[in-house]
């Protein structure tokens, strides 16, 4: 009997994936554990392996198709088997989300539903439902291209929006009165909506917009989708929902610089990598988070939750955008274990091959811009965490030392915390302890 091969769940928030490529051909013999296809989420590209051995028969899915998770995309069985999905198409289409996430819209056959009289209906993915609600689109008017043509996916709503002019009521009235075709206009409002200023510019090409700035030609539009869209959504949510407070502290890192230099000289050949300041700072923060557990917390609807694991994320710049690989249980790992795991996570992130758990589960985040000559900055909290530490460059400065002026390696740290969870004084004590460990790194041995 043949086995159904389906798109697995790739994390709690992933609802659909894009088929990047098939790694096998239709009818090819495969073994258990062999890579069959590569799919892309909003975070990375993942291989999907065969869970059985036999001959694989591919379904009607091509590169670039957006496919809901848990969709059957092939079968593995005998050489003369053919691809087919057991049960009804509707039943399979429903398996990708929890019951409360499904929305069924009654549609006419001409819209692209499965024909069948009173049973005509199309399923709407959660993301498509969300976008339709945000843009006031009736899903019943959207042509579905999802599984077997009975499921509206996010891309379908996006295509529908491209075909209709979206405009504010005022803009619609102005255009109607002046006989202006909205289809020929490009909107500058939220999500490309046509606003009254857009209509006014058509009526008066030389007009000046309300903020007194001359209208400029747009050279390029970069859609807010994929990683960039996720960053925009999450950072915007963080800024608008947290009570952010920033503490800035200058630290004398001279002793830490010396310790790192000695470690590099001694361990680089043995470990295969040179321990860096991010490694040392992560270990220092792990010790501080254990000493001050109220910083290792998150906000629940009715409580502040102190977390049992110290999982530290470190922001990494990649071609696909900002990624935050998370090292689990940093307080239980030595410097070598942390450094090795962190570099593996960064390598996967930069290649776009992060595993689902690589980028989740953090309890505290460190973001370092010192390599770009930044002295200090205010990072945005990575929700639902309580705080984030911004790290600037280490630079030699002349500082007073009693009656003398000496040159020391100074480091600026910026702790941004959510005042809903932590008050200013406790947060300051946490940052002050990090400062103490940096200035006197031998204290780590006493922890």
Foldseek 3Di string as FASTA:
>chain_A
DKAFDFAADFADPFFKWFWAFAPDDALDWDAFQQFGTWTATLFFIATDTHHHTATKHFAPDDGGDIATGQAGGIIGDYSPDHDDDPDDQVVRVPPRDDPVQKDKDAEDVVLQFDDDPPPTIAIEGNLLVVVCVVQVHDVRNFFQPYDVRRYRYNVRSVVVPLVDAAEDPVLVVLCVVVVHDSNVWFDPDPPGHNYNVRSVCVVPVQDADPVRDGDDDDPDDDDLDRNNVVCVVQLVCLVVPFPKDKDKDKFFQQVVVVVQVVQQVPPCVPLVHRQDPVLVLLQLLLVLCVVQQLQLWFDDPVDIGRDDKAKEWEWDQAPSGIATFIDTRSPPDDSSVVVVVVVVLNVCSNNRHHGSNRRDDHREYEYEPQVVQAQDDDDGDRPRHFKYKYWHHFDWDFDDDPPDTDTTTMIMMMIMGGCVRPPDVSVVVSVVSSSVCSNVVVCVVVD
